[in-house]
């Protein structure tokens, strides 16, 4: 039981990390500050979502590809 709770907390923590990274990327894109960091943040968030089986990973990968084309 304790192991399951620990795993759940770890998964929740990484999910929150992914949300924060996407929020940072959104702010950077709107303000123009730290734009060079955006691909790394989105890549990490996509990795987290992918590991958790979230469909958000494909959306973030598409966003990364679109950013490369600009």
PDB file of N, CA and C in Angstrom:
ATOM      1  N   UNK A   1       0.827  -1.191   0.000  1.00  0.00           N
ATOM      2  CA  UNK A   1       0.000   0.000   0.000  1.00  0.00           C
ATOM      3  C   UNK A   1       0.873   1.256   0.000  1.00  0.00           C
ATOM      4  N   UNK A   2       1.865   1.279   0.868  1.00  0.00           N
ATOM      5  CA  UNK A   2       2.748   2.435   0.947  1.00  0.00           C
ATOM      6  C   UNK A   2       3.474   2.648  -0.379  1.00  0.00           C
ATOM      7  N   UNK A   3       3.908   1.558  -1.013  1.00  0.00           N
ATOM      8  CA  UNK A   3       4.602   1.655  -2.301  1.00  0.00           C
ATOM      9  C   UNK A   3       3.684   2.261  -3.361  1.00  0.00           C
ATOM     10  N   UNK A   4       2.427   1.855  -3.373  1.00  0.00           N
ATOM     11  CA  UNK A   4       1.459   2.396  -4.333  1.00  0.00           C
ATOM     12  C   UNK A   4       1.246   3.885  -4.092  1.00  0.00           C
ATOM     13  N   UNK A   5       1.148   4.285  -2.844  1.00  0.00           N
ATOM     14  CA  UNK A   5       0.967   5.701  -2.517  1.00  0.00           C
ATOM     15  C   UNK A   5       2.186   6.518  -2.929  1.00  0.00           C
ATOM     16  N   UNK A   6       3.367   5.974  -2.720  1.00  0.00           N
ATOM     17  CA  UNK A   6       4.593   6.662  -3.105  1.00  0.00           C
ATOM     18  C   UNK A   6       4.660   6.832  -4.625  1.00  0.00           C
ATOM     19  N   UNK A   7       4.297   5.776  -5.353  1.00  0.00           N
ATOM     20  CA  UNK A   7       4.299   5.840  -6.810  1.00  0.00           C
ATOM     21  C   UNK A   7       3.292   6.866  -7.302  1.00  0.00           C
ATOM     22  N   UNK A   8       2.103   6.869  -6.717  1.00  0.00           N
ATOM     23  CA  UNK A   8       1.078   7.828  -7.106  1.00  0.00           C
ATOM     24  C   UNK A   8       1.551   9.252  -6.878  1.00  0.00           C
ATOM     25  N   UNK A   9       2.158   9.504  -5.738  1.00  0.00           N
ATOM     26  CA  UNK A   9       2.661  10.856  -5.457  1.00  0.00           C
ATOM     27  C   UNK A   9       3.731  11.248  -6.474  1.00  0.00           C
ATOM     28  N   UNK A  10       4.594  10.323  -6.844  1.00  0.00           N
ATOM     29  CA  UNK A  10       5.640  10.619  -7.827  1.00  0.00           C
ATOM     30  C   UNK A  10       5.020  10.942  -9.176  1.00  0.00           C
ATOM     31  N   UNK A  11       4.009  10.181  -9.585  1.00  0.00           N
ATOM     32  CA  UNK A  11       3.339  10.448 -10.862  1.00  0.00           C
ATOM     33  C   UNK A  11       2.630  11.791 -10.825  1.00  0.00           C
ATOM     34  N   UNK A  12       1.970  12.107  -9.717  1.00  0.00           N
ATOM     35  CA  UNK A  12       1.302  13.396  -9.579  1.00  0.00           C
ATOM     36  C   UNK A  12       2.315  14.526  -9.640  1.00  0.00           C
ATOM     37  N   UNK A  13       3.453  14.339  -9.002  1.00  0.00           N
ATOM     38  CA  UNK A  13       4.483  15.381  -8.991  1.00  0.00           C
ATOM     39  C   UNK A  13       4.986  15.657 -10.391  1.00  0.00           C
ATOM     40  N   UNK A  14       5.226  14.614 -11.169  1.00  0.00           N
ATOM     41  CA  UNK A  14       5.711  14.847 -12.524  1.00  0.00           C
ATOM     42  C   UNK A  14       4.624  15.472 -13.386  1.00  0.00           C
ATOM     43  N   UNK A  15       3.360  15.111 -13.145  1.00  0.00           N
ATOM     44  CA  UNK A  15       2.264  15.735 -13.886  1.00  0.00           C
ATOM     45  C   UNK A  15       2.235  17.235 -13.608  1.00  0.00           C
ATOM     46  N   UNK A  16       2.413  17.595 -12.339  1.00  0.00           N
ATOM     47  CA  UNK A  16       2.439  19.019 -11.984  1.00  0.00           C
ATOM     48  C   UNK A  16       3.655  19.707 -12.604  1.00  0.00           C
ATOM     49  N   UNK A  17       4.754  18.992 -12.675  1.00  0.00           N
ATOM     50  CA  UNK A  17       5.942  19.551 -13.309  1.00  0.00           C
ATOM     51  C   UNK A  17       5.645  19.843 -14.783  1.00  0.00           C
ATOM     52  N   UNK A  18       4.996  18.910 -15.455  1.00  0.00           N
ATOM     53  CA  UNK A  18       4.660  19.101 -16.865  1.00  0.00           C
ATOM     54  C   UNK A  18       3.747  20.309 -17.039  1.00  0.00           C
ATOM     55  N   UNK A  19       2.751  20.444 -16.184  1.00  0.00           N
ATOM     56  CA  UNK A  19       1.844  21.595 -16.264  1.00  0.00           C
ATOM     57  C   UNK A  19       2.611  22.905 -16.084  1.00  0.00           C
ATOM     58  N   UNK A  20       3.516  22.927 -15.134  1.00  0.00           N
ATOM     59  CA  UNK A  20       4.297  24.139 -14.882  1.00  0.00           C
ATOM     60  C   UNK A  20       5.194  24.471 -16.075  1.00  0.00           C
ATOM     61  N   UNK A  21       5.796  23.463 -16.681  1.00  0.00           N
ATOM     62  CA  UNK A  21       6.666  23.702 -17.830  1.00  0.00           C
ATOM     63  C   UNK A  21       5.885  24.249 -19.019  1.00  0.00           C
ATOM     64  N   UNK A  22       4.691  23.737 -19.245  1.00  0.00           N
ATOM     65  CA  UNK A  22       3.854  24.247 -20.335  1.00  0.00           C
ATOM     66  C   UNK A  22       3.446  25.690 -20.039  1.00  0.00           C
ATOM     67  N   UNK A  23       3.106  25.976 -18.787  1.00  0.00           N
ATOM     68  CA  UNK A  23       2.750  27.345 -18.411  1.00  0.00           C
ATOM     69  C   UNK A  23       3.929  28.294 -18.625  1.00  0.00           C
ATOM     70  N   UNK A  24       5.129  27.876 -18.258  1.00  0.00           N
ATOM     71  CA  UNK A  24       6.317  28.698 -18.492  1.00  0.00           C
ATOM     72  C   UNK A  24       6.522  28.951 -19.983  1.00  0.00           C
ATOM     73  N   UNK A  25       6.337  27.914 -20.786  1.00  0.00           N
ATOM     74  CA  UNK A  25       6.487  28.060 -22.238  1.00  0.00           C
ATOM     75  C   UNK A  25       5.462  29.052 -22.788  1.00  0.00           C
ATOM     76  N   UNK A  26       4.229  28.962 -22.303  1.00  0.00           N
ATOM     77  CA  UNK A  26       3.188  29.896 -22.746  1.00  0.00           C
ATOM     78  C   UNK A  26       3.556  31.338 -22.408  1.00  0.00           C
ATOM     79  N   UNK A  27       4.038  31.552 -21.198  1.00  0.00           N
ATOM     80  CA  UNK A  27       4.425  32.897 -20.766  1.00  0.00           C
ATOM     81  C   UNK A  27       5.592  33.405 -21.604  1.00  0.00           C
ATOM     82  N   UNK A  28       6.580  32.562 -21.818  1.00  0.00           N
ATOM     83  CA  UNK A  28       7.747  32.968 -22.597  1.00  0.00           C
ATOM     84  C   UNK A  28       7.357  33.321 -24.027  1.00  0.00           C
ATOM     85  N   UNK A  29       6.449  32.561 -24.611  1.00  0.00           N
ATOM     86  CA  UNK A  29       6.021  32.854 -25.975  1.00  0.00           C
ATOM     87  C   UNK A  29       5.237  34.159 -26.042  1.00  0.00           C
ATOM     88  N   UNK A  30       4.418  34.431 -25.038  1.00  0.00           N
ATOM     89  CA  UNK A  30       3.637  35.675 -25.034  1.00  0.00           C
ATOM     90  C   UNK A  30       4.509  36.899 -24.797  1.00  0.00           C
ATOM     91  N   UNK A  31       5.499  36.760 -23.923  1.00  0.00           N
ATOM     92  CA  UNK A  31       6.304  37.921 -23.544  1.00  0.00           C
ATOM     93  C   UNK A  31       7.561  38.077 -24.384  1.00  0.00           C
ATOM     94  N   UNK A  32       7.977  36.986 -25.036  1.00  0.00           N
ATOM     95  CA  UNK A  32       9.209  37.036 -25.816  1.00  0.00           C
ATOM     96  C   UNK A  32      10.460  36.826 -24.970  1.00  0.00           C
ATOM     97  N   UNK A  33      10.287  36.603 -23.678  1.00  0.00           N
ATOM     98  CA  UNK A  33      11.421  36.386 -22.787  1.00  0.00           C
ATOM     99  C   UNK A  33      11.745  34.900 -22.701  1.00  0.00           C
ATOM    100  N   UNK A  34      13.003  34.574 -22.692  1.00  0.00           N
ATOM    101  CA  UNK A  34      13.498  33.203 -22.532  1.00  0.00           C
ATOM    102  C   UNK A  34      12.933  32.250 -23.569  1.00  0.00           C
ATOM    103  N   UNK A  35      12.684  32.761 -24.767  1.00  0.00           N
ATOM    104  CA  UNK A  35      12.130  31.930 -25.845  1.00  0.00           C
ATOM    105  C   UNK A  35      13.044  30.750 -26.174  1.00  0.00           C
ATOM    106  N   UNK A  36      14.317  30.900 -25.962  1.00  0.00           N
ATOM    107  CA  UNK A  36      15.249  29.807 -26.256  1.00  0.00           C
ATOM    108  C   UNK A  36      15.016  28.602 -25.346  1.00  0.00           C
ATOM    109  N   UNK A  37      14.410  28.832 -24.184  1.00  0.00           N
ATOM    110  CA  UNK A  37      14.146  27.750 -23.239  1.00  0.00           C
ATOM    111  C   UNK A  37      12.873  26.970 -23.564  1.00  0.00           C
ATOM    112  N   UNK A  38      12.008  27.548 -24.380  1.00  0.00           N
ATOM    113  CA  UNK A  38      10.696  26.953 -24.653  1.00  0.00           C
ATOM    114  C   UNK A  38      10.786  25.523 -25.204  1.00  0.00           C
ATOM    115  N   UNK A  39      11.592  25.253 -26.226  1.00  0.00           N
ATOM    116  CA  UNK A  39      11.632  23.866 -26.728  1.00  0.00           C
ATOM    117  C   UNK A  39      12.033  22.839 -25.666  1.00  0.00           C
ATOM    118  N   UNK A  40      12.965  23.176 -24.825  1.00  0.00           N
ATOM    119  CA  UNK A  40      13.385  22.255 -23.765  1.00  0.00           C
ATOM    120  C   UNK A  40      12.276  21.999 -22.764  1.00  0.00           C
ATOM    121  N   UNK A  41      11.572  23.049 -22.394  1.00  0.00           N
ATOM    122  CA  UNK A  41      10.463  22.897 -21.457  1.00  0.00           C
ATOM    123  C   UNK A  41       9.365  22.028 -22.056  1.00  0.00           C
ATOM    124  N   UNK A  42       9.026  22.290 -23.322  1.00  0.00           N
ATOM    125  CA  UNK A  42       7.965  21.520 -23.961  1.00  0.00           C
ATOM    126  C   UNK A  42       8.385  20.071 -24.179  1.00  0.00           C
ATOM    127  N   UNK A  43       9.641  19.851 -24.498  1.00  0.00           N
ATOM    128  CA  UNK A  43      10.143  18.490 -24.685  1.00  0.00           C
ATOM    129  C   UNK A  43      10.040  17.700 -23.376  1.00  0.00           C
ATOM    130  N   UNK A  44      10.447  18.311 -22.279  1.00  0.00           N
ATOM    131  CA  UNK A  44      10.369  17.641 -20.967  1.00  0.00           C
ATOM    132  C   UNK A  44       8.916  17.359 -20.608  1.00  0.00           C
ATOM    133  N   UNK A  45       8.030  18.327 -20.831  1.00  0.00           N
ATOM    134  CA  UNK A  45       6.608  18.127 -20.534  1.00  0.00           C
ATOM    135  C   UNK A  45       6.037  17.008 -21.396  1.00  0.00           C
ATOM    136  N   UNK A  46       6.404  16.969 -22.672  1.00  0.00           N
ATOM    137  CA  UNK A  46       5.936  15.903 -23.559  1.00  0.00           C
ATOM    138  C   UNK A  46       6.428  14.541 -23.079  1.00  0.00           C
ATOM    139  N   UNK A  47       7.674  14.473 -22.652  1.00  0.00           N
ATOM    140  CA  UNK A  47       8.230  13.222 -22.131  1.00  0.00           C
ATOM    141  C   UNK A  47       7.443  12.738 -20.912  1.00  0.00           C
ATOM    142  N   UNK A  48       7.129  13.661 -20.021  1.00  0.00           N
ATOM    143  CA  UNK A  48       6.382  13.313 -18.811  1.00  0.00           C
ATOM    144  C   UNK A  48       5.004  12.779 -19.188  1.00  0.00           C
ATOM    145  N   UNK A  49       4.310  13.488 -20.078  1.00  0.00           N
ATOM    146  CA  UNK A  49       2.982  13.052 -20.486  1.00  0.00           C
ATOM    147  C   UNK A  49       3.038  11.712 -21.213  1.00  0.00           C
ATOM    148  N   UNK A  50       4.066  11.528 -22.020  1.00  0.00           N
ATOM    149  CA  UNK A  50       4.222  10.272 -22.742  1.00  0.00           C
ATOM    150  C   UNK A  50       4.429   9.100 -21.771  1.00  0.00           C
ATOM    151  N   UNK A  51       5.268   9.306 -20.769  1.00  0.00           N
ATOM    152  CA  UNK A  51       5.517   8.265 -19.768  1.00  0.00           C
ATOM    153  C   UNK A  51       4.243   7.897 -19.020  1.00  0.00           C
ATOM    154  N   UNK A  52       3.375   8.879 -18.818  1.00  0.00           N
ATOM    155  CA  UNK A  52       2.123   8.630 -18.112  1.00  0.00           C
ATOM    156  C   UNK A  52       0.996   8.175 -19.011  1.00  0.00           C
ATOM    157  N   UNK A  53       1.260   8.078 -20.308  1.00  0.00           N
ATOM    158  CA  UNK A  53       0.231   7.641 -21.237  1.00  0.00           C
ATOM    159  C   UNK A  53      -0.794   8.703 -21.585  1.00  0.00           C
ATOM    160  N   UNK A  54      -0.457   9.958 -21.349  1.00  0.00           N
ATOM    161  CA  UNK A  54      -1.383  11.051 -21.619  1.00  0.00           C
ATOM    162  C   UNK A  54      -1.383  11.429 -23.098  1.00  0.00           C
ATOM    163  N   UNK A  55      -2.558  11.690 -23.660  1.00  0.00           N
ATOM    164  CA  UNK A  55      -2.635  12.136 -25.049  1.00  0.00           C
ATOM    165  C   UNK A  55      -2.071  13.542 -25.251  1.00  0.00           C
ATOM    166  N   UNK A  56      -1.808  14.255 -24.176  1.00  0.00           N
ATOM    167  CA  UNK A  56      -1.232  15.595 -24.294  1.00  0.00           C
ATOM    168  C   UNK A  56       0.166  15.564 -24.898  1.00  0.00           C
ATOM    169  N   UNK A  57       0.831  14.427 -24.806  1.00  0.00           N
ATOM    170  CA  UNK A  57       2.188  14.306 -25.356  1.00  0.00           C
ATOM    171  C   UNK A  57       2.193  14.589 -26.848  1.00  0.00           C
ATOM    172  N   UNK A  58       1.240  14.047 -27.576  1.00  0.00           N
ATOM    173  CA  UNK A  58       1.222  14.266 -29.032  1.00  0.00           C
ATOM    174  C   UNK A  58       0.923  15.716 -29.363  1.00  0.00           C
ATOM    175  N   UNK A  59       0.092  16.377 -28.570  1.00  0.00           N
ATOM    176  CA  UNK A  59      -0.188  17.805 -28.786  1.00  0.00           C
ATOM    177  C   UNK A  59       1.077  18.636 -28.589  1.00  0.00           C
ATOM    178  N   UNK A  60       1.842  18.297 -27.560  1.00  0.00           N
ATOM    179  CA  UNK A  60       3.074  19.045 -27.293  1.00  0.00           C
ATOM    180  C   UNK A  60       4.122  18.780 -28.366  1.00  0.00           C
ATOM    181  N   UNK A  61       4.190  17.550 -28.857  1.00  0.00           N
ATOM    182  CA  UNK A  61       5.140  17.241 -29.939  1.00  0.00           C
ATOM    183  C   UNK A  61       4.769  18.019 -31.204  1.00  0.00           C
ATOM    184  N   UNK A  62       3.473  18.130 -31.485  1.00  0.00           N
ATOM    185  CA  UNK A  62       3.023  18.912 -32.641  1.00  0.00           C
ATOM    186  C   UNK A  62       3.372  20.388 -32.452  1.00  0.00           C
ATOM    187  N   UNK A  63       3.215  20.880 -31.254  1.00  0.00           N
ATOM    188  CA  UNK A  63       3.574  22.276 -30.950  1.00  0.00           C
ATOM    189  C   UNK A  63       5.065  22.501 -31.142  1.00  0.00           C
ATOM    190  N   UNK A  64       5.865  21.527 -30.745  1.00  0.00           N
ATOM    191  CA  UNK A  64       7.324  21.628 -30.937  1.00  0.00           C
ATOM    192  C   UNK A  64       7.679  21.666 -32.431  1.00  0.00           C
ATOM    193  N   UNK A  65       7.045  20.797 -33.202  1.00  0.00           N
ATOM    194  CA  UNK A  65       7.309  20.774 -34.655  1.00  0.00           C
ATOM    195  C   UNK A  65       6.900  22.095 -35.293  1.00  0.00           C
ATOM    196  N   UNK A  66       5.770  22.637 -34.892  1.00  0.00           N
ATOM    197  CA  UNK A  66       5.305  23.911 -35.437  1.00  0.00           C
ATOM    198  C   UNK A  66       6.274  25.043 -35.095  1.00  0.00           C
ATOM    199  N   UNK A  67       6.827  24.996 -33.880  1.00  0.00           N
ATOM    200  CA  UNK A  67       7.800  26.000 -33.474  1.00  0.00           C
ATOM    201  C   UNK A  67       9.099  25.926 -34.266  1.00  0.00           C
ATOM    202  N   UNK A  68       9.467  24.723 -34.671  1.00  0.00           N
ATOM    203  CA  UNK A  68      10.684  24.541 -35.469  1.00  0.00           C
ATOM    204  C   UNK A  68      10.512  25.117 -36.864  1.00  0.00           C
ATOM    205  N   UNK A  69       9.277  25.117 -37.364  1.00  0.00           N
ATOM    206  CA  UNK A  69       9.013  25.600 -38.708  1.00  0.00           C
ATOM    207  C   UNK A  69       8.968  27.116 -38.794  1.00  0.00           C
ATOM    208  N   UNK A  70       8.824  27.775 -37.656  1.00  0.00           N
ATOM    209  CA  UNK A  70       8.749  29.251 -37.666  1.00  0.00           C
ATOM    210  C   UNK A  70      10.070  29.888 -37.949  1.00  0.00           C
TER     211      UNK A  70
END
